[in-house]
Amino acid sequence: MTSKLDQLKTMTTIVADTGDMEAIRAFKPTDSTTNPTLILKAAQMPGYAHIVEEAIAWGARGNKTTREITTRLAVSFGTELTGIVPGRVSTEVDADLSFDTDGMVKQARALIDDYKSRGVGRDRILVKLASTWEGIRACEILQRDGIDCNMTLLFSLVQAAASADAGAFLISPFVGRILDWHVKATGQKYTAENDPGVQSVRAIYAYYKAHGIKTVVMGASFRNIGEIEALAGCDRLTIAPALLEELQKNQGKLERKLDPASSKGAPARMKLDEKTFRYQLNEDQMATEKLSDGIRLFAKDLQSLRELVDRKVKAAA
């Protein structure tokens, strides 16, 4: 019997949810994704000191801002990752731009230009944007320009529907954070089958397949392998190294749970303008709170990364 990880790879594209390149080499995923939290963690690992030092030296030579240096760091880690995975690498736009459409578009284009200067084409990169109304509008602009987007911090069907309407290449619905909210709100224990995060991704998957939507569904933010197994067959799943290792060690049979043919019962195609989107998102307390919380947490880790860079810049002066 092959491992559950190997079985999963036959029905779902596996994406490594880490900035740790050694872990990516070990589990051989197709794609890789990072965020400010993962970059902050990787930037403090001795094995990647050379990447941080290069960005600091680059900033000093050009009198660059802290934001420019941290953006270069993200691209430097991403460039390394493109040499390991055969598919796409997702790089996130700064969380503190989550309500600034123009700012997100400008930074996304700068990311793509920096990758291009290093010989990495846009066909290897996904730009990650928060699934706010402003982020979805930025996605619409970027997708028209041929820059593929990964809509992150996505907790609801209305965010998924609006992202699809904007032409997003991929969405990352967050499974574990949805579960966290419901556990805290209800005090209940959930199985993989009644896990609210799993149910949310299944509903989005069914909606997309029922309406012929090409946007890729990539479940993210897992708390246990039960959630992953319950979404076997999803277009893509982005998984942390510890859970990849657990799946690799497990030799049990893995049953396919999601299939494009099984999308019956999906709601009618939504018609969303800004007012409708904002109202429906507001009506979903969990999605509203987790979106806000997610932006704050990513912004906090981004600020910690900037402070790390500032300390290193001063030490190198």
Protein backbone atom coordinates (compact mmCIF):
# COMPACT_ATOMS: atom_id res chain seq x y z
CA MET A 1 0.00 0.00 0.00
CA THR A 2 1.35 3.44 -0.92
CA SER A 3 1.28 6.29 1.57
CA LYS A 4 -1.74 8.57 1.85
CA LEU A 5 0.43 11.40 0.55
CA ASP A 6 1.26 9.47 -2.60
CA GLN A 7 -2.41 8.51 -3.03
CA LEU A 8 -3.45 12.14 -2.53
CA LYS A 9 -1.02 13.24 -5.24
CA THR A 10 -2.92 11.11 -7.78
CA MET A 11 -6.12 13.14 -7.30
CA THR A 12 -5.03 16.55 -5.97
CA THR A 13 -2.12 18.89 -6.71
CA ILE A 14 -0.05 19.21 -3.51
CA VAL A 15 1.29 22.61 -2.50
CA ALA A 16 3.83 23.11 0.30
CA ASP A 17 2.67 25.69 2.84
CA THR A 18 6.12 26.73 4.05
CA GLY A 19 9.18 28.82 3.33
CA ASP A 20 11.47 26.00 4.50
CA MET A 21 13.15 24.77 1.34
CA GLU A 22 14.52 21.60 2.91
CA ALA A 23 11.00 20.51 3.83
CA ILE A 24 9.88 21.20 0.27
CA ARG A 25 12.71 19.09 -1.14
CA ALA A 26 11.73 16.25 1.20
CA PHE A 27 8.05 16.07 0.20
CA LYS A 28 8.29 17.03 -3.49
CA PRO A 29 5.10 19.10 -3.85
CA THR A 30 4.11 20.58 -7.21
CA ASP A 31 3.70 24.16 -5.95
CA SER A 32 4.72 26.23 -2.94
CA THR A 33 3.14 29.15 -1.14
CA THR A 34 4.41 31.65 1.41
CA ASN A 35 2.96 34.45 3.53
CA PRO A 36 4.42 37.05 5.94
CA THR A 37 4.32 34.57 8.84
CA LEU A 38 6.26 31.93 6.90
CA ILE A 39 8.78 34.44 5.52
CA LEU A 40 9.38 35.81 9.04
CA LYS A 41 10.03 32.29 10.33
CA ALA A 42 12.32 31.40 7.42
CA ALA A 43 14.24 34.68 7.70
CA GLN A 44 15.27 33.74 11.26
CA MET A 45 16.57 30.28 10.28
CA PRO A 46 20.40 30.11 10.04
CA GLY A 47 20.23 28.20 6.77
CA TYR A 48 18.70 31.18 5.00
CA ALA A 49 20.90 33.92 6.48
CA HIS A 50 22.53 34.47 3.09
CA ILE A 51 19.18 35.44 1.54
CA VAL A 52 18.55 38.00 4.30
CA GLU A 53 22.10 39.36 4.08
CA GLU A 54 21.81 39.84 0.31
CA ALA A 55 18.57 41.82 0.68
CA ILE A 56 20.09 43.99 3.42
CA ALA A 57 23.17 44.73 1.27
CA TRP A 58 20.95 45.48 -1.73
CA GLY A 59 18.93 47.92 0.36
CA ALA A 60 22.01 49.68 1.68
CA ARG A 61 23.50 50.12 -1.81
CA GLY A 62 20.33 51.65 -3.20
CA ASN A 63 19.13 53.53 -0.12
CA LYS A 64 15.94 51.46 -0.22
CA THR A 65 13.02 51.65 2.19
CA THR A 66 12.24 48.89 4.67
CA ARG A 67 9.15 47.94 2.65
CA GLU A 68 11.28 47.60 -0.49
CA ILE A 69 13.77 45.36 1.34
CA THR A 70 11.08 43.08 2.78
CA THR A 71 9.47 42.86 -0.66
CA ARG A 72 12.84 41.84 -2.10
CA LEU A 73 13.15 39.22 0.63
CA ALA A 74 9.81 37.71 -0.39
CA VAL A 75 10.94 37.55 -4.03
CA SER A 76 14.33 36.12 -3.04
CA PHE A 77 12.68 33.29 -1.11
CA GLY A 78 10.21 32.82 -3.96
CA THR A 79 13.00 32.64 -6.54
CA GLU A 80 14.74 29.93 -4.53
CA LEU A 81 11.46 28.02 -4.35
CA THR A 82 11.00 28.14 -8.13
CA GLY A 83 14.22 26.18 -8.37
CA ILE A 84 12.76 23.41 -6.20
CA VAL A 85 9.10 23.02 -7.22
CA PRO A 86 8.12 22.45 -10.85
CA GLY A 87 4.93 24.51 -10.63
CA ARG A 88 3.84 27.83 -9.17
CA VAL A 89 5.11 29.84 -6.21
CA SER A 90 2.69 32.19 -4.43
CA THR A 91 4.05 35.48 -3.09
CA GLU A 92 1.89 37.74 -0.94
CA VAL A 93 1.27 41.46 -1.31
CA ASP A 94 1.73 43.34 1.99
CA ALA A 95 -1.20 42.83 4.37
CA ASP A 96 -1.36 46.52 5.24
CA LEU A 97 -2.41 47.20 1.64
CA SER A 98 -5.49 44.96 1.95
CA PHE A 99 -7.91 47.88 1.53
CA ASP A 100 -5.85 49.75 -1.07
CA THR A 101 -6.59 48.55 -4.61
CA ASP A 102 -4.03 50.82 -6.27
CA GLY A 103 -1.37 49.92 -3.70
CA MET A 104 -1.91 46.21 -4.21
CA VAL A 105 -1.75 46.53 -7.99
CA LYS A 106 1.43 48.59 -7.80
CA GLN A 107 3.20 46.16 -5.48
CA ALA A 108 2.02 43.12 -7.44
CA ARG A 109 3.50 44.56 -10.63
CA ALA A 110 6.73 45.33 -8.77
CA LEU A 111 6.89 41.71 -7.57
CA ILE A 112 6.43 40.40 -11.10
CA ASP A 113 9.07 42.82 -12.45
CA ASP A 114 11.55 41.72 -9.78
CA TYR A 115 10.92 38.06 -10.59
CA LYS A 116 11.39 38.82 -14.29
CA SER A 117 14.76 40.50 -13.58
CA ARG A 118 15.86 37.21 -12.01
CA GLY A 119 14.75 35.13 -14.97
CA VAL A 120 11.48 33.92 -13.40
CA GLY A 121 8.49 34.35 -15.70
CA ARG A 122 5.03 35.34 -14.53
CA ASP A 123 3.79 31.88 -15.51
CA ARG A 124 5.66 30.55 -12.44
CA ILE A 125 4.21 33.04 -9.95
CA LEU A 126 0.87 33.65 -8.24
CA VAL A 127 0.39 36.99 -6.49
CA LYS A 128 -1.51 36.55 -3.22
CA LEU A 129 -4.14 39.16 -2.37
CA ALA A 130 -6.51 39.40 0.59
CA SER A 131 -10.11 38.61 -0.40
CA THR A 132 -11.44 42.05 0.52
CA TRP A 133 -13.56 43.96 -1.99
CA GLU A 134 -10.47 46.04 -2.76
CA GLY A 135 -8.31 42.95 -3.14
CA ILE A 136 -10.80 41.40 -5.53
CA ARG A 137 -10.82 44.57 -7.62
CA ALA A 138 -7.00 44.48 -7.70
CA CYS A 139 -7.24 40.87 -8.86
CA GLU A 140 -9.55 41.90 -11.69
CA ILE A 141 -7.03 44.49 -12.92
CA LEU A 142 -4.03 42.17 -12.59
CA GLN A 143 -5.71 39.21 -14.27
CA ARG A 144 -6.54 41.41 -17.27
CA ASP A 145 -2.81 42.22 -17.42
CA GLY A 146 -1.90 38.53 -17.43
CA ILE A 147 -0.75 38.43 -13.79
CA ASP A 148 -2.33 35.41 -12.10
CA CYS A 149 -3.68 35.87 -8.59
CA ASN A 150 -4.19 33.71 -5.52
CA MET A 151 -7.03 35.08 -3.37
CA THR A 152 -6.17 34.38 0.26
CA LEU A 153 -7.90 34.93 3.61
CA LEU A 154 -11.06 33.54 2.05
CA PHE A 155 -13.71 32.25 4.46
CA SER A 156 -17.03 32.37 2.62
CA LEU A 157 -18.88 31.51 -0.57
CA VAL A 158 -19.53 35.18 -1.30
CA GLN A 159 -15.77 35.89 -1.32
CA ALA A 160 -15.25 32.86 -3.57
CA ALA A 161 -18.03 33.92 -5.95
CA ALA A 162 -16.72 37.48 -6.23
CA SER A 163 -13.17 36.22 -6.81
CA ALA A 164 -14.40 33.97 -9.61
CA ASP A 165 -16.26 36.90 -11.19
CA ALA A 166 -12.99 38.87 -11.11
CA GLY A 167 -11.23 36.07 -13.01
CA ALA A 168 -8.97 34.93 -10.17
CA PHE A 169 -6.64 32.12 -11.19
CA LEU A 170 -6.88 30.50 -7.74
CA ILE A 171 -8.55 30.89 -4.35
CA SER A 172 -7.29 29.67 -0.96
CA PRO A 173 -10.24 29.00 1.37
CA PHE A 174 -8.96 28.62 4.94
CA VAL A 175 -10.21 25.40 6.54
CA GLY A 176 -8.54 25.41 9.95
CA ARG A 177 -9.28 29.00 10.83
CA ILE A 178 -12.98 28.42 10.14
CA LEU A 179 -12.85 25.41 12.47
CA ASP A 180 -11.06 27.48 15.13
CA TRP A 181 -13.84 30.09 15.10
CA HIS A 182 -16.62 27.54 15.43
CA VAL A 183 -14.87 25.61 18.22
CA LYS A 184 -14.45 28.85 20.16
CA ALA A 185 -18.01 30.01 19.45
CA THR A 186 -19.78 26.73 20.23
CA GLY A 187 -17.43 24.70 22.42
CA GLN A 188 -18.23 21.67 20.26
CA LYS A 189 -15.88 19.01 18.97
CA TYR A 190 -16.02 18.29 15.26
CA THR A 191 -15.20 15.29 13.11
CA ALA A 192 -13.68 15.65 9.66
CA GLU A 193 -17.10 15.17 8.07
CA ASN A 194 -18.93 17.87 10.02
CA ASP A 195 -15.93 20.22 10.23
CA PRO A 196 -17.28 23.68 9.24
CA GLY A 197 -14.08 24.48 7.32
CA VAL A 198 -14.33 21.28 5.30
CA GLN A 199 -17.99 21.96 4.58
CA SER A 200 -17.16 25.49 3.42
CA VAL A 201 -14.58 24.27 0.90
CA ARG A 202 -16.91 21.54 -0.33
CA ALA A 203 -19.66 24.13 -0.92
CA ILE A 204 -17.28 26.42 -2.83
CA TYR A 205 -15.97 23.50 -4.90
CA ALA A 206 -19.53 22.44 -5.79
CA TYR A 207 -20.49 26.02 -6.72
CA TYR A 208 -17.48 26.37 -9.01
CA LYS A 209 -17.95 23.03 -10.73
CA ALA A 210 -21.72 23.47 -11.13
CA HIS A 211 -21.23 26.78 -12.93
CA GLY A 212 -18.19 25.80 -14.99
CA ILE A 213 -15.91 28.22 -13.15
CA LYS A 214 -12.26 27.64 -14.03
CA THR A 215 -10.79 29.30 -10.92
CA VAL A 216 -8.72 26.73 -8.99
CA VAL A 217 -9.90 25.79 -5.48
CA MET A 218 -6.97 25.27 -3.10
CA GLY A 219 -7.90 24.34 0.46
CA ALA A 220 -5.50 25.86 3.02
CA SER A 221 -4.85 26.26 6.75
CA PHE A 222 -5.29 22.70 8.01
CA ARG A 223 -5.36 21.63 11.65
CA ASN A 224 -5.18 17.86 11.13
CA ILE A 225 -4.92 15.26 8.37
CA GLY A 226 -8.60 14.39 8.81
CA GLU A 227 -9.50 17.73 7.20
CA ILE A 228 -7.12 16.99 4.34
CA GLU A 229 -8.50 13.50 3.78
CA ALA A 230 -12.05 14.91 3.78
CA LEU A 231 -11.07 17.17 0.86
CA ALA A 232 -9.20 14.55 -1.19
CA GLY A 233 -9.88 15.34 -4.84
CA CYS A 234 -9.97 19.11 -4.37
CA ASP A 235 -8.11 20.91 -7.18
CA ARG A 236 -5.18 21.72 -4.89
CA LEU A 237 -4.38 21.55 -1.19
CA THR A 238 -1.63 23.57 0.49
CA ILE A 239 -0.23 21.64 3.44
CA ALA A 240 2.34 22.38 6.16
CA PRO A 241 5.40 20.09 6.46
CA ALA A 242 4.28 18.44 9.72
CA LEU A 243 1.02 17.29 8.11
CA LEU A 244 2.80 16.26 4.91
CA GLU A 245 5.05 14.07 7.04
CA GLU A 246 2.04 12.54 8.81
CA LEU A 247 0.39 11.76 5.47
CA GLN A 248 3.68 10.26 4.22
CA LYS A 249 3.86 7.89 7.20
CA ASN A 250 0.21 6.81 6.95
CA GLN A 251 -0.28 3.74 4.73
CA GLY A 252 -4.08 3.51 4.97
CA LYS A 253 -6.44 3.71 2.01
CA LEU A 254 -7.45 7.23 0.94
CA GLU A 255 -10.93 7.69 -0.52
CA ARG A 256 -11.66 10.45 -3.03
CA LYS A 257 -14.21 12.87 -1.52
CA LEU A 258 -14.51 15.66 -4.11
CA ASP A 259 -15.23 15.15 -7.78
CA PRO A 260 -16.38 17.64 -10.46
CA ALA A 261 -19.25 15.31 -11.34
CA SER A 262 -20.70 15.49 -7.82
CA SER A 263 -21.68 19.18 -7.72
CA LYS A 264 -25.45 18.84 -7.50
CA GLY A 265 -27.36 21.14 -5.17
CA ALA A 266 -25.11 24.16 -5.64
CA PRO A 267 -26.87 27.55 -5.42
CA ALA A 268 -27.58 29.69 -8.47
CA ARG A 269 -24.77 31.89 -9.80
CA MET A 270 -24.53 34.99 -7.62
CA LYS A 271 -24.80 38.52 -8.97
CA LEU A 272 -22.57 40.67 -6.82
CA ASP A 273 -21.99 44.40 -6.81
CA GLU A 274 -20.05 46.14 -4.04
CA LYS A 275 -23.08 46.76 -1.82
CA THR A 276 -24.33 43.18 -2.12
CA PHE A 277 -20.87 41.75 -1.48
CA ARG A 278 -20.27 43.87 1.60
CA TYR A 279 -23.70 43.15 3.04
CA GLN A 280 -23.50 39.39 2.51
CA LEU A 281 -20.00 39.27 3.97
CA ASN A 282 -21.18 41.31 6.93
CA GLU A 283 -24.03 38.84 7.49
CA ASP A 284 -21.45 36.07 7.92
CA GLN A 285 -20.02 36.80 11.37
CA MET A 286 -17.34 34.12 11.14
CA ALA A 287 -16.04 35.26 7.74
CA THR A 288 -16.07 38.92 8.75
CA GLU A 289 -14.17 38.29 11.96
CA LYS A 290 -11.65 35.85 10.46
CA LEU A 291 -10.90 38.12 7.48
CA SER A 292 -10.24 41.03 9.82
CA ASP A 293 -8.25 38.86 12.21
CA GLY A 294 -6.20 37.34 9.39
CA ILE A 295 -5.22 40.72 7.99
CA ARG A 296 -4.17 41.90 11.47
CA LEU A 297 -2.09 38.77 12.11
CA PHE A 298 -0.32 38.94 8.75
CA ALA A 299 0.26 42.68 9.23
CA LYS A 300 1.71 42.02 12.69
CA ASP A 301 4.15 39.43 11.34
CA LEU A 302 5.00 41.72 8.43
CA GLN A 303 5.81 44.47 10.95
CA SER A 304 7.99 42.03 12.89
CA LEU A 305 9.82 41.20 9.66
CA ARG A 306 10.34 44.91 8.98
CA GLU A 307 11.71 45.40 12.49
CA LEU A 308 14.09 42.47 11.93
CA VAL A 309 15.25 44.10 8.69
CA ASP A 310 15.68 47.48 10.39
CA ARG A 311 17.88 45.92 13.09
CA LYS A 312 20.04 44.20 10.51
CA VAL A 313 20.33 47.38 8.42
CA LYS A 314 21.55 49.30 11.48
CA ALA A 315 23.97 46.53 12.42
CA ALA A 316 25.42 46.53 8.91
CA ALA A 317 25.82 50.32 8.74
